[in-house]
Structure formats: C-alpha cells, structure tokens
Amino acid sequence: MTGHDLLKGKVVVVTAAAGTGIGSATAKRCLEEGATVVISDWHERRLKETHEALGADHAIPCDVTNEQQVQTLVDETVARYGRIDVMVNNAGLGGEKSVLDMSDDEWSRVLDVTLNGTFRCTRAVLRQMVAQRSGVVVNNSSVVGWRAQRGQAHYAAAKAGVMALTRCAAMDVAEHGIRVNAVAPSLAAHPFLAKVTSEELLTELASREAFGRAAEPWEVANVIVFLASDYSSYLTGEVVSVSSQHP
C-alpha cells in the first residue's frame, strides 16, 4: 500500500507484532507512513523473523505480563530514539471455553495478557509521554466487549476492560496533550485466530458481516494508523468499531 507520510518522523512501538496478524500489519502500515517502528513480542524467533521480513527499525522481546519487560521496552526505545510518539497495544490472548468449564487459571491468563498487559504498557508509556508532553496510545479491543458471544466470557470481559481503561486513561492525561483511543475489530482473518477458534464458528461469524467476510488485518491497521495520526487530533477516549456487523 502506498503511504502518505501520515506518521512521518514519529517513533511508533507495536506490541505483539510477530506473525501475520493485526500487529504486524500495523507495523507494516506505520513503516509505509514514514514512522520509525519498534516491534515487540514474547516469541523471540517469530519476532526476529517479522523484524527481518518487515524491515522494522528495531525489535525488543517483551512479555506484557512482566512489568519489568514492559518497562525495558519503553526505556530501551527512549534510549535509542529519544521519545515514543505512538504506542499500539496489540497484545491479547483469546480462546473458546464455556464459563461452566472455565478454570481460574484459564480466566486469569486471558485477563492478565489482554487487560493487565494493556494496562502495564499504557501506564509505562504514558509516564514517558507525560514527561515529553505529547503522544498517542492506541489499544486493540474487540466488539465482543459490547456483544455477547458463546464461549468468550474471559476474552469479552478483558476487552470490555480495555475499553473502560482507554476511556479513563484518556481523561487522566488529556491535560498533558496526550490522546488514548482504541479500535474494536469484529473479525479479522489471520492464522492464529484459526488455531484458537473452530472453523464452524469463524464461518458463522463471517456470515454475519455485511460483506460476508472477515476483515483483513491491514484494514484494521488502517484505522489504527488514523488514530495514531494527526488526522484524529480531537479524538480521545474513543473506541472505534472496525466492523461491518450491526445488531
């Protein structure tokens, strides 16, 4: 895709960017828009492969469930580039399990990666952005934070929490000129999703979309780029649905 320098000169960090999902698509679009891009992921081999494939500027391994690793991600980026202009919090963990059968560990693991991980990254980068008096955070939520879906109690609770975190964090830092927004995709097609969700469910969910298909990761990434750019300068505390499905 041809870029238009929407993020020219900006330093962007994207979490969970390894592989072929929304994170790597976002990193690619940010590079196309002229940004300096730092990618991170907990899986070091896939991170290295994605770094080489995309030609990202730097890659830093990071497990978002580990506060020290999150702080190192922020500190190392600032040490190398002097600031962080945009943080895209993409890390999340899903699965399909009835609440009747869900263990405490299964519940806690999804919330720790998806909600607590987003909180840890948001907190760490906002402290840096307050010091530099500028910056943008874009969180990756999901429409299941609004909609009921069988087998998604843990994931839906986590993503609803990301929405609430986004709104409240935005109010905490608005006086510093910092914006915090989120995207809420309905269904984005990538190989990892197929591993944790049945083919029957994916087919059913796609059939509910107005276009009869899942979004491509780059289509979600385009909205993230918009929220990261100066074109959304008056938006903060917003959750933008990236969906063609309507009640």
C-alpha atoms as a PDB file:
ATOM      1  CA  MET A   1       0.000   0.000   0.000  1.00  0.00           C
ATOM      2  CA  THR A   2       1.294   3.455  -0.878  1.00  0.00           C
ATOM      3  CA  GLY A   3       1.868   5.674   2.149  1.00  0.00           C
ATOM      4  CA  HIS A   4       1.115   9.368   2.541  1.00  0.00           C
ATOM      5  CA  ASP A   5       3.625  10.264   5.295  1.00  0.00           C
ATOM      6  CA  LEU A   6       0.840  10.304   7.915  1.00  0.00           C
ATOM      7  CA  LEU A   7       3.342   9.258  10.598  1.00  0.00           C
ATOM      8  CA  LYS A   8       6.498  10.785   9.144  1.00  0.00           C
ATOM      9  CA  GLY A   9       9.138  11.348  11.809  1.00  0.00           C
ATOM     10  CA  LYS A  10       7.159   9.617  14.562  1.00  0.00           C
ATOM     11  CA  VAL A  11       8.522   6.827  16.754  1.00  0.00           C
ATOM     12  CA  VAL A  12       5.948   4.027  16.998  1.00  0.00           C
ATOM     13  CA  VAL A  13       6.009   0.945  19.239  1.00  0.00           C
ATOM     14  CA  VAL A  14       3.751  -2.020  18.373  1.00  0.00           C
ATOM     15  CA  THR A  15       3.316  -4.911  20.814  1.00  0.00           C
ATOM     16  CA  ALA A  16       2.536  -8.495  19.749  1.00  0.00           C
ATOM     17  CA  ALA A  17       3.770  -7.643  16.270  1.00  0.00           C
ATOM     18  CA  ALA A  18       5.260 -11.011  15.317  1.00  0.00           C
ATOM     19  CA  GLY A  19       3.494 -13.225  12.813  1.00  0.00           C
ATOM     20  CA  THR A  20       0.812 -12.246  10.327  1.00  0.00           C
ATOM     21  CA  GLY A  21      -1.940 -10.656  12.408  1.00  0.00           C
ATOM     22  CA  ILE A  22      -3.060  -7.126  13.204  1.00  0.00           C
ATOM     23  CA  GLY A  23       0.202  -6.284  14.986  1.00  0.00           C
ATOM     24  CA  SER A  24       2.489  -6.999  12.063  1.00  0.00           C
ATOM     25  CA  ALA A  25       0.020  -5.388   9.644  1.00  0.00           C
ATOM     26  CA  THR A  26       0.026  -2.275  11.812  1.00  0.00           C
ATOM     27  CA  ALA A  27       3.818  -2.197  11.946  1.00  0.00           C
ATOM     28  CA  LYS A  28       3.924  -2.508   8.151  1.00  0.00           C
ATOM     29  CA  ARG A  29       1.415   0.305   7.633  1.00  0.00           C
ATOM     30  CA  CYS A  30       3.299   2.563  10.085  1.00  0.00           C
ATOM     31  CA  LEU A  31       6.514   1.951   8.173  1.00  0.00           C
ATOM     32  CA  GLU A  32       4.723   2.791   4.924  1.00  0.00           C
ATOM     33  CA  GLU A  33       3.533   6.036   6.536  1.00  0.00           C
ATOM     34  CA  GLY A  34       7.086   7.117   7.345  1.00  0.00           C
ATOM     35  CA  ALA A  35       7.358   6.132  11.009  1.00  0.00           C
ATOM     36  CA  THR A  36      10.333   4.724  12.863  1.00  0.00           C
ATOM     37  CA  VAL A  37       8.882   1.431  14.098  1.00  0.00           C
ATOM     38  CA  VAL A  38       9.886  -0.692  17.080  1.00  0.00           C
ATOM     39  CA  ILE A  39       8.162  -4.065  17.267  1.00  0.00           C
ATOM     40  CA  SER A  40       7.912  -6.384  20.256  1.00  0.00           C
ATOM     41  CA  ASP A  41       6.573  -9.848  21.020  1.00  0.00           C
ATOM     42  CA  TRP A  42       7.136 -12.566  23.606  1.00  0.00           C
ATOM     43  CA  HIS A  43       8.072 -15.128  20.927  1.00  0.00           C
ATOM     44  CA  GLU A  44      11.668 -14.240  20.070  1.00  0.00           C
ATOM     45  CA  ARG A  45      12.049 -16.424  16.952  1.00  0.00           C
ATOM     46  CA  ARG A  46       8.873 -15.107  15.344  1.00  0.00           C
ATOM     47  CA  LEU A  47       9.833 -11.584  16.387  1.00  0.00           C
ATOM     48  CA  LYS A  48      13.206 -11.922  14.649  1.00  0.00           C
ATOM     49  CA  GLU A  49      11.554 -13.297  11.508  1.00  0.00           C
ATOM     50  CA  THR A  50       8.979 -10.495  11.445  1.00  0.00           C
ATOM     51  CA  HIS A  51      11.664  -7.878  12.073  1.00  0.00           C
ATOM     52  CA  GLU A  52      13.598  -9.106   9.054  1.00  0.00           C
ATOM     53  CA  ALA A  53      10.517  -9.507   6.855  1.00  0.00           C
ATOM     54  CA  LEU A  54       9.143  -6.040   7.561  1.00  0.00           C
ATOM     55  CA  GLY A  55      12.427  -4.196   7.784  1.00  0.00           C
ATOM     56  CA  ALA A  56      11.326  -2.652  11.072  1.00  0.00           C
ATOM     57  CA  ASP A  57      13.827  -0.325  12.711  1.00  0.00           C
ATOM     58  CA  HIS A  58      14.235  -2.287  15.932  1.00  0.00           C
ATOM     59  CA  ALA A  59      12.802  -5.325  17.739  1.00  0.00           C
ATOM     60  CA  ILE A  60      12.635  -5.846  21.508  1.00  0.00           C
ATOM     61  CA  PRO A  61      11.347  -9.066  23.091  1.00  0.00           C
ATOM     62  CA  CYS A  62       8.624  -8.336  25.640  1.00  0.00           C
ATOM     63  CA  ASP A  63       6.128 -10.397  27.616  1.00  0.00           C
ATOM     64  CA  VAL A  64       3.371  -7.962  28.586  1.00  0.00           C
ATOM     65  CA  THR A  65       2.608  -9.996  31.723  1.00  0.00           C
ATOM     66  CA  ASN A  66       6.028  -8.998  33.063  1.00  0.00           C
ATOM     67  CA  GLU A  67       6.183  -5.426  34.372  1.00  0.00           C
ATOM     68  CA  GLN A  68       9.985  -5.228  34.128  1.00  0.00           C
ATOM     69  CA  GLN A  69       9.999  -6.357  30.488  1.00  0.00           C
ATOM     70  CA  VAL A  70       7.343  -3.750  29.681  1.00  0.00           C
ATOM     71  CA  GLN A  71       9.439  -1.038  31.330  1.00  0.00           C
ATOM     72  CA  THR A  72      12.519  -2.238  29.447  1.00  0.00           C
ATOM     73  CA  LEU A  73      10.587  -1.955  26.169  1.00  0.00           C
ATOM     74  CA  VAL A  74       9.817   1.684  26.908  1.00  0.00           C
ATOM     75  CA  ASP A  75      13.250   2.524  28.333  1.00  0.00           C
ATOM     76  CA  GLU A  76      15.207   0.900  25.514  1.00  0.00           C
ATOM     77  CA  THR A  77      13.107   2.628  22.851  1.00  0.00           C
ATOM     78  CA  VAL A  78      13.562   6.027  24.506  1.00  0.00           C
ATOM     79  CA  ALA A  79      17.300   5.424  24.969  1.00  0.00           C
ATOM     80  CA  ARG A  80      17.638   4.659  21.261  1.00  0.00           C
ATOM     81  CA  TYR A  81      15.269   7.227  19.732  1.00  0.00           C
ATOM     82  CA  GLY A  82      14.733   9.850  22.441  1.00  0.00           C
ATOM     83  CA  ARG A  83      10.955   9.520  22.716  1.00  0.00           C
ATOM     84  CA  ILE A  84       7.870   7.448  21.912  1.00  0.00           C
ATOM     85  CA  ASP A  85       5.219   9.222  19.863  1.00  0.00           C
ATOM     86  CA  VAL A  86       2.783   6.319  19.455  1.00  0.00           C
ATOM     87  CA  MET A  87       2.215   3.105  21.403  1.00  0.00           C
ATOM     88  CA  VAL A  88      -0.036   0.478  19.818  1.00  0.00           C
ATOM     89  CA  ASN A  89      -1.082  -2.037  22.473  1.00  0.00           C
ATOM     90  CA  ASN A  90      -1.995  -5.059  20.401  1.00  0.00           C
ATOM     91  CA  ALA A  91      -1.144  -7.952  22.730  1.00  0.00           C
ATOM     92  CA  GLY A  92      -4.073 -10.175  23.605  1.00  0.00           C
ATOM     93  CA  LEU A  93      -4.983 -13.772  24.302  1.00  0.00           C
ATOM     94  CA  GLY A  94      -8.247 -15.479  23.415  1.00  0.00           C
ATOM     95  CA  GLY A  95      -9.739 -18.928  23.336  1.00  0.00           C
ATOM     96  CA  GLU A  96     -13.105 -20.643  23.369  1.00  0.00           C
ATOM     97  CA  LYS A  97     -14.430 -22.108  26.626  1.00  0.00           C
ATOM     98  CA  SER A  98     -17.802 -22.165  28.326  1.00  0.00           C
ATOM     99  CA  VAL A  99     -17.890 -20.339  31.635  1.00  0.00           C
ATOM    100  CA  LEU A 100     -19.240 -23.621  33.048  1.00  0.00           C
ATOM    101  CA  ASP A 101     -15.945 -25.354  32.317  1.00  0.00           C
ATOM    102  CA  MET A 102     -13.501 -22.481  32.664  1.00  0.00           C
ATOM    103  CA  SER A 103     -10.838 -22.767  35.354  1.00  0.00           C
ATOM    104  CA  ASP A 104      -9.490 -19.883  37.412  1.00  0.00           C
ATOM    105  CA  ASP A 105      -6.170 -20.240  35.594  1.00  0.00           C
ATOM    106  CA  GLU A 106      -7.809 -20.007  32.155  1.00  0.00           C
ATOM    107  CA  TRP A 107      -9.769 -16.924  33.205  1.00  0.00           C
ATOM    108  CA  SER A 108      -6.762 -15.256  34.816  1.00  0.00           C
ATOM    109  CA  ARG A 109      -4.369 -15.968  31.943  1.00  0.00           C
ATOM    110  CA  VAL A 110      -6.603 -14.271  29.365  1.00  0.00           C
ATOM    111  CA  LEU A 111      -7.186 -11.258  31.602  1.00  0.00           C
ATOM    112  CA  ASP A 112      -3.504 -10.967  32.511  1.00  0.00           C
ATOM    113  CA  VAL A 113      -2.360 -10.797  28.884  1.00  0.00           C
ATOM    114  CA  THR A 114      -5.285  -8.922  27.349  1.00  0.00           C
ATOM    115  CA  LEU A 115      -6.331  -6.439  30.038  1.00  0.00           C
ATOM    116  CA  ASN A 116      -3.493  -6.292  32.553  1.00  0.00           C
ATOM    117  CA  GLY A 117      -0.902  -6.335  29.769  1.00  0.00           C
ATOM    118  CA  THR A 118      -2.601  -3.382  28.091  1.00  0.00           C
ATOM    119  CA  PHE A 119      -2.657  -1.587  31.453  1.00  0.00           C
ATOM    120  CA  ARG A 120       1.050  -2.239  32.088  1.00  0.00           C
ATOM    121  CA  CYS A 121       2.060  -0.954  28.651  1.00  0.00           C
ATOM    122  CA  THR A 122      -0.282   2.033  28.853  1.00  0.00           C
ATOM    123  CA  ARG A 123       0.980   3.032  32.293  1.00  0.00           C
ATOM    124  CA  ALA A 124       4.648   2.733  31.323  1.00  0.00           C
ATOM    125  CA  VAL A 125       4.367   4.669  28.087  1.00  0.00           C
ATOM    126  CA  LEU A 126       2.064   7.370  29.493  1.00  0.00           C
ATOM    127  CA  ARG A 127       4.651   8.208  32.132  1.00  0.00           C
ATOM    128  CA  GLN A 128       7.131   8.808  29.315  1.00  0.00           C
ATOM    129  CA  MET A 129       4.592  10.746  27.249  1.00  0.00           C
ATOM    130  CA  VAL A 130       3.708  12.994  30.184  1.00  0.00           C
ATOM    131  CA  ALA A 131       7.427  13.778  30.571  1.00  0.00           C
ATOM    132  CA  GLN A 132       7.678  14.688  26.876  1.00  0.00           C
ATOM    133  CA  ARG A 133       4.187  16.320  26.924  1.00  0.00           C
ATOM    134  CA  SER A 134       2.976  14.559  23.794  1.00  0.00           C
ATOM    135  CA  GLY A 135       1.971  11.177  22.491  1.00  0.00           C
ATOM    136  CA  VAL A 136      -0.770   8.840  21.353  1.00  0.00           C
ATOM    137  CA  VAL A 137      -1.834   5.428  22.634  1.00  0.00           C
ATOM    138  CA  VAL A 138      -3.989   3.105  20.531  1.00  0.00           C
ATOM    139  CA  ASN A 139      -5.351  -0.018  22.210  1.00  0.00           C
ATOM    140  CA  ASN A 140      -6.715  -3.077  20.433  1.00  0.00           C
ATOM    141  CA  SER A 141     -10.062  -4.059  21.919  1.00  0.00           C
ATOM    142  CA  SER A 142     -12.870  -6.090  20.294  1.00  0.00           C
ATOM    143  CA  VAL A 143     -16.572  -5.845  19.563  1.00  0.00           C
ATOM    144  CA  VAL A 144     -17.068  -8.728  21.997  1.00  0.00           C
ATOM    145  CA  GLY A 145     -16.534  -6.096  24.665  1.00  0.00           C
ATOM    146  CA  TRP A 146     -20.033  -4.959  23.622  1.00  0.00           C
ATOM    147  CA  ARG A 147     -21.617  -8.130  22.225  1.00  0.00           C
ATOM    148  CA  ALA A 148     -22.398 -11.449  23.851  1.00  0.00           C
ATOM    149  CA  GLN A 149     -20.743 -14.485  22.292  1.00  0.00           C
ATOM    150  CA  ARG A 150     -20.782 -18.071  23.467  1.00  0.00           C
ATOM    151  CA  GLY A 151     -17.512 -19.330  24.955  1.00  0.00           C
ATOM    152  CA  GLN A 152     -15.950 -15.866  25.210  1.00  0.00           C
ATOM    153  CA  ALA A 153     -16.600 -14.794  28.808  1.00  0.00           C
ATOM    154  CA  HIS A 154     -12.920 -14.328  29.682  1.00  0.00           C
ATOM    155  CA  TYR A 155     -11.985 -12.601  26.419  1.00  0.00           C
ATOM    156  CA  ALA A 156     -15.098 -10.397  26.386  1.00  0.00           C
ATOM    157  CA  ALA A 157     -14.535  -9.322  29.977  1.00  0.00           C
ATOM    158  CA  ALA A 158     -10.917  -8.469  29.181  1.00  0.00           C
ATOM    159  CA  LYS A 159     -11.789  -6.497  26.052  1.00  0.00           C
ATOM    160  CA  ALA A 160     -14.595  -4.611  27.820  1.00  0.00           C
ATOM    161  CA  GLY A 161     -11.972  -3.754  30.417  1.00  0.00           C
ATOM    162  CA  VAL A 162      -9.667  -2.436  27.689  1.00  0.00           C
ATOM    163  CA  MET A 163     -12.477  -0.151  26.533  1.00  0.00           C
ATOM    164  CA  ALA A 164     -13.013   1.217  30.047  1.00  0.00           C
ATOM    165  CA  LEU A 165      -9.254   1.572  30.605  1.00  0.00           C
ATOM    166  CA  THR A 166      -8.993   3.508  27.341  1.00  0.00           C
ATOM    167  CA  ARG A 167     -11.718   5.972  28.300  1.00  0.00           C
ATOM    168  CA  CYS A 168     -10.418   6.588  31.823  1.00  0.00           C
ATOM    169  CA  ALA A 169      -6.735   6.789  30.881  1.00  0.00           C
ATOM    170  CA  ALA A 170      -7.662   9.346  28.229  1.00  0.00           C
ATOM    171  CA  MET A 171      -9.160  11.593  30.886  1.00  0.00           C
ATOM    172  CA  ASP A 172      -6.119  11.152  33.144  1.00  0.00           C
ATOM    173  CA  VAL A 173      -3.712  12.526  30.534  1.00  0.00           C
ATOM    174  CA  ALA A 174      -5.798  14.904  28.405  1.00  0.00           C
ATOM    175  CA  GLU A 175      -4.346  17.920  30.220  1.00  0.00           C
ATOM    176  CA  HIS A 176      -0.900  16.848  29.016  1.00  0.00           C
ATOM    177  CA  GLY A 177      -1.946  16.872  25.355  1.00  0.00           C
ATOM    178  CA  ILE A 178      -1.899  13.072  25.098  1.00  0.00           C
ATOM    179  CA  ARG A 179      -4.605  11.043  23.363  1.00  0.00           C
ATOM    180  CA  VAL A 180      -5.739   7.481  24.170  1.00  0.00           C
ATOM    181  CA  ASN A 181      -8.128   5.644  21.851  1.00  0.00           C
ATOM    182  CA  ALA A 182      -8.960   2.081  20.862  1.00  0.00           C
ATOM    183  CA  VAL A 183     -10.133   0.037  17.920  1.00  0.00           C
ATOM    184  CA  ALA A 184     -12.712  -2.723  18.304  1.00  0.00           C
ATOM    185  CA  PRO A 185     -12.483  -5.166  15.395  1.00  0.00           C
ATOM    186  CA  SER A 186     -15.267  -7.680  14.899  1.00  0.00           C
ATOM    187  CA  LEU A 187     -13.461 -10.382  12.937  1.00  0.00           C
ATOM    188  CA  ALA A 188     -10.011 -10.157  11.380  1.00  0.00           C
ATOM    189  CA  ALA A 189      -8.631 -13.084   9.410  1.00  0.00           C
ATOM    190  CA  HIS A 190      -5.213 -14.409  10.401  1.00  0.00           C
ATOM    191  CA  PRO A 191      -3.725 -17.868  11.028  1.00  0.00           C
ATOM    192  CA  PHE A 192      -3.541 -17.595  14.834  1.00  0.00           C
ATOM    193  CA  LEU A 193      -7.292 -16.998  15.061  1.00  0.00           C
ATOM    194  CA  ALA A 194      -7.908 -20.246  13.209  1.00  0.00           C
ATOM    195  CA  LYS A 195      -5.831 -22.096  15.814  1.00  0.00           C
ATOM    196  CA  VAL A 196      -7.929 -20.952  18.773  1.00  0.00           C
ATOM    197  CA  THR A 197     -11.372 -20.857  17.137  1.00  0.00           C
ATOM    198  CA  SER A 198     -13.309 -23.547  15.310  1.00  0.00           C
ATOM    199  CA  GLU A 199     -13.779 -23.294  11.555  1.00  0.00           C
ATOM    200  CA  GLU A 200     -17.532 -23.552  12.067  1.00  0.00           C
ATOM    201  CA  LEU A 201     -17.574 -20.521  14.364  1.00  0.00           C
ATOM    202  CA  LEU A 202     -15.390 -18.475  12.022  1.00  0.00           C
ATOM    203  CA  THR A 203     -17.722 -19.283   9.120  1.00  0.00           C
ATOM    204  CA  GLU A 204     -20.744 -18.313  11.196  1.00  0.00           C
ATOM    205  CA  LEU A 205     -19.180 -15.040  12.344  1.00  0.00           C
ATOM    206  CA  ALA A 206     -18.131 -14.138   8.800  1.00  0.00           C
ATOM    207  CA  SER A 207     -21.673 -14.753   7.554  1.00  0.00           C
ATOM    208  CA  ARG A 208     -22.977 -12.110   9.967  1.00  0.00           C
ATOM    209  CA  GLU A 209     -20.765  -9.416   8.466  1.00  0.00           C
ATOM    210  CA  ALA A 210     -22.321  -7.137   5.864  1.00  0.00           C
ATOM    211  CA  PHE A 211     -19.581  -8.008   3.376  1.00  0.00           C
ATOM    212  CA  GLY A 212     -19.835 -11.716   4.154  1.00  0.00           C
ATOM    213  CA  ARG A 213     -16.186 -11.980   5.114  1.00  0.00           C
ATOM    214  CA  ALA A 214     -13.703 -11.207   7.854  1.00  0.00           C
ATOM    215  CA  ALA A 215     -11.641  -8.034   7.745  1.00  0.00           C
ATOM    216  CA  GLU A 216      -8.076  -8.316   6.513  1.00  0.00           C
ATOM    217  CA  PRO A 217      -5.527  -7.302   9.180  1.00  0.00           C
ATOM    218  CA  TRP A 218      -4.414  -4.321   7.080  1.00  0.00           C
ATOM    219  CA  GLU A 219      -7.995  -2.991   7.104  1.00  0.00           C
ATOM    220  CA  VAL A 220      -7.862  -2.810  10.902  1.00  0.00           C
ATOM    221  CA  ALA A 221      -4.329  -1.415  10.720  1.00  0.00           C
ATOM    222  CA  ASN A 222      -5.558   1.470   8.567  1.00  0.00           C
ATOM    223  CA  VAL A 223      -7.896   2.599  11.353  1.00  0.00           C
ATOM    224  CA  ILE A 224      -5.091   2.283  13.893  1.00  0.00           C
ATOM    225  CA  VAL A 225      -2.892   4.474  11.664  1.00  0.00           C
ATOM    226  CA  PHE A 226      -5.686   7.058  11.501  1.00  0.00           C
ATOM    227  CA  LEU A 227      -5.973   7.137  15.299  1.00  0.00           C
ATOM    228  CA  ALA A 228      -2.184   7.396  15.597  1.00  0.00           C
ATOM    229  CA  SER A 229      -2.018  10.285  13.132  1.00  0.00           C
ATOM    230  CA  ASP A 230      -2.742  13.978  13.487  1.00  0.00           C
ATOM    231  CA  TYR A 231      -5.918  13.474  11.461  1.00  0.00           C
ATOM    232  CA  SER A 232      -7.589  12.296  14.680  1.00  0.00           C
ATOM    233  CA  SER A 233      -6.258  15.191  16.778  1.00  0.00           C
ATOM    234  CA  TYR A 234      -9.615  15.823  18.523  1.00  0.00           C
ATOM    235  CA  LEU A 235     -10.390  12.178  19.335  1.00  0.00           C
ATOM    236  CA  THR A 236      -9.576  10.826  22.772  1.00  0.00           C
ATOM    237  CA  GLY A 237     -11.262   8.231  24.973  1.00  0.00           C
ATOM    238  CA  GLU A 238     -12.995   6.811  21.905  1.00  0.00           C
ATOM    239  CA  VAL A 239     -13.472   3.171  20.892  1.00  0.00           C
ATOM    240  CA  VAL A 240     -13.827   2.873  17.115  1.00  0.00           C
ATOM    241  CA  SER A 241     -15.633  -0.217  15.856  1.00  0.00           C
ATOM    242  CA  VAL A 242     -13.920  -1.795  12.837  1.00  0.00           C
ATOM    243  CA  SER A 243     -16.840  -3.926  11.784  1.00  0.00           C
ATOM    244  CA  SER A 244     -19.475  -4.393   9.109  1.00  0.00           C
ATOM    245  CA  GLN A 245     -21.792  -6.243  11.513  1.00  0.00           C
ATOM    246  CA  HIS A 246     -24.702  -4.399  13.051  1.00  0.00           C
ATOM    247  CA  PRO A 247     -27.387  -5.554  15.509  1.00  0.00           C
END
